[in-house]
Each structure stands twice: as C-alpha cells, then as structure tokens.
Protein backbone atom coordinates (compact mmCIF):
# COMPACT_ATOMS: atom_id res chain seq x y z
CA MET A 1 -16.29 29.78 30.00
CA VAL A 2 -16.09 28.06 26.62
CA THR A 3 -14.52 30.19 23.95
CA ALA A 4 -15.37 29.96 20.26
CA ARG A 5 -11.88 28.60 19.61
CA THR A 6 -12.32 25.79 22.14
CA LEU A 7 -15.75 24.96 20.76
CA ILE A 8 -14.44 24.74 17.17
CA LEU A 9 -11.52 22.56 18.27
CA GLY A 10 -13.86 20.24 20.16
CA LEU A 11 -16.24 19.92 17.23
CA SER A 12 -13.40 19.20 14.82
CA LEU A 13 -12.15 16.39 17.07
CA LEU A 14 -15.64 14.88 17.22
CA THR A 15 -16.03 14.93 13.44
CA ALA A 16 -12.52 13.71 12.60
CA SER A 17 -12.59 10.36 10.84
CA PRO A 18 -9.83 7.76 10.70
CA LEU A 19 -7.70 7.66 7.57
CA SER A 20 -9.11 5.59 4.75
CA ALA A 21 -7.08 2.87 3.03
CA GLU A 22 -6.37 5.26 0.15
CA GLU A 23 -4.92 7.82 2.56
CA ARG A 24 -2.77 5.37 4.57
CA LEU A 25 -1.51 3.34 1.65
CA THR A 26 -1.43 3.65 -2.13
CA LEU A 27 0.01 1.30 -4.73
CA HIS A 28 1.49 2.60 -7.97
CA ALA A 29 2.10 0.15 -10.82
CA PRO A 30 1.63 -0.05 -14.59
CA GLY A 31 -1.48 -1.69 -15.99
CA ALA A 32 0.16 -3.99 -18.54
CA ALA A 33 3.43 -5.26 -20.01
CA PHE A 34 4.83 -7.85 -22.45
CA GLU A 35 6.42 -11.07 -21.21
CA PRO A 36 8.89 -11.63 -19.76
CA ALA A 37 7.79 -8.59 -17.78
CA ILE A 38 9.65 -6.53 -15.27
CA LEU A 39 7.14 -5.17 -12.79
CA ARG A 40 8.12 -2.10 -10.80
CA MET A 41 5.73 -1.12 -8.02
CA ARG A 42 5.82 1.68 -5.49
CA ALA A 43 3.83 1.75 -2.30
CA SER A 44 3.29 5.11 -0.60
CA VAL A 45 2.77 4.83 3.14
CA GLN A 46 1.45 7.55 5.44
CA PRO A 47 3.95 7.83 8.35
CA ASP A 48 2.55 6.50 11.61
CA PRO A 49 4.21 5.19 14.80
CA GLY A 50 2.12 2.01 14.55
CA ASN A 51 3.38 0.94 11.10
CA ARG A 52 5.36 -2.29 11.40
CA ALA A 53 5.59 -3.91 7.95
CA ILE A 54 4.34 -3.92 4.40
CA GLU A 55 3.84 -6.93 2.17
CA ILE A 56 3.75 -6.39 -1.59
CA THR A 57 2.50 -9.24 -3.79
CA ALA A 58 2.04 -10.16 -7.46
CA ASP A 59 -0.24 -13.19 -7.85
CA SER A 60 -1.57 -15.04 -10.92
CA ASP A 61 -2.61 -18.61 -11.74
CA ALA A 62 0.95 -19.53 -12.80
CA PHE A 63 3.11 -17.17 -10.74
CA TYR A 64 3.41 -15.81 -7.21
CA ARG A 65 5.98 -13.48 -5.74
CA SER A 66 5.90 -11.36 -2.61
CA SER A 67 8.16 -9.12 -0.63
CA TRP A 68 7.90 -8.44 3.11
CA ILE A 69 9.48 -5.17 4.25
CA PRO A 70 9.74 -4.20 7.93
CA LEU A 71 8.82 -0.59 8.75
CA ASP A 72 10.13 1.49 11.63
CA GLY A 73 6.91 3.30 12.50
CA ASP A 74 6.84 6.96 11.49
CA ARG A 75 10.61 6.88 10.76
CA ALA A 76 10.14 4.50 7.82
CA PRO A 77 10.46 5.77 4.26
CA ARG A 78 7.24 7.13 2.75
CA THR A 79 7.84 5.25 -0.50
CA ILE A 80 8.79 1.59 -0.81
CA ALA A 81 9.87 0.34 -4.24
CA VAL A 82 9.77 -3.32 -5.27
CA GLU A 83 10.75 -4.94 -8.55
CA PHE A 84 9.69 -8.41 -9.72
CA ARG A 85 11.43 -9.81 -12.84
CA ASN A 86 10.51 -12.31 -15.54
CA LEU A 87 6.76 -12.42 -15.00
CA PRO A 88 5.09 -14.80 -17.48
CA ALA A 89 1.92 -13.96 -19.40
CA GLY A 90 -1.22 -13.83 -17.28
CA HIS A 91 -3.64 -11.73 -15.29
CA TYR A 92 -2.14 -10.61 -11.97
CA GLN A 93 -3.61 -9.29 -8.77
CA LEU A 94 -1.15 -6.83 -7.26
CA SER A 95 -1.56 -5.96 -3.60
CA ALA A 96 0.09 -4.05 -0.81
CA VAL A 97 -0.81 -4.79 2.81
CA LEU A 98 0.22 -2.41 5.58
CA ILE A 99 0.54 -4.19 8.94
CA ARG A 100 0.29 -2.15 12.13
CA ALA A 101 1.46 -2.90 15.66
CA ASP A 102 -2.13 -3.49 16.84
CA GLY A 103 -2.64 -6.15 14.12
CA GLU A 104 -4.76 -3.93 11.88
CA ARG A 105 -4.18 -4.53 8.17
CA THR A 106 -4.84 -2.07 5.37
CA LYS A 107 -4.91 -3.57 1.87
CA VAL A 108 -4.97 -1.97 -1.57
CA GLN A 109 -5.12 -3.88 -4.86
CA ARG A 110 -4.63 -3.36 -8.58
CA ASP A 111 -4.86 -5.51 -11.69
CA PHE A 112 -1.88 -6.08 -13.96
CA ILE A 113 -1.84 -7.95 -17.28
CA VAL A 114 1.21 -9.51 -18.92
CA THR A 115 0.67 -10.45 -22.57
CA GLU A 116 2.66 -12.62 -24.94
CA ARG A 117 4.64 -10.87 -27.67
C-alpha cells in the first residue's frame, strides 16, 4: 500500500530539476576600476563529487589572463579567490567555468571596465 509520505516523496523526485548555472556557480567581481587595475574575483561553487576544476578568466582586446584551479569534488573549498594585477584600460569579459568529471561545463560571465585615470 502506498502511503501519503511515499507518494509525496515520489512526486518530489519526479519534479526535481537539475541545478541551474546560477546555483552551481556564481562569480563575484567589481564592475569597474581605474588602470592599472587590480581585479579580485571570487567564484562560489556548489559542492559536488563530480567537480574537477574551475577556470577563471579576464579577457579584453589587449589583455588576457586565466587561472586553472583543480577541485577535489565535494571536498573542494566553496569559494575560490583569484587576483589579476596591472590590468590596462579596456572592456573585459570575466568568466568562470566549472568543469565536471563527465565533461559537463557550467559557465557564468560578467563585464568589467577598466578606465584611464
């Protein structure tokens, strides 16, 4: 006999959706700075046994820098901090890409502007 508790549990499993990019990974960074800029970014990662690495990037027409950080699944830190120094003036695309063991990639992006003094 199916109890109400079993029925509710079964329905909740059927309606559960996978985590969205915003729930698995978020990127925190300022919106602007003066050159030569120091950019401090933090990526927040939802713990998961399948997490293998995160790549954090700052990219503009005149500048590119990235950092690749290995993750130890659900034992990895929830927050990864990266600092890029001496960014010249320009419009930057900041991104964080979470790489999982199955090859799935979750990407979040932000804009960042460095202006001349």
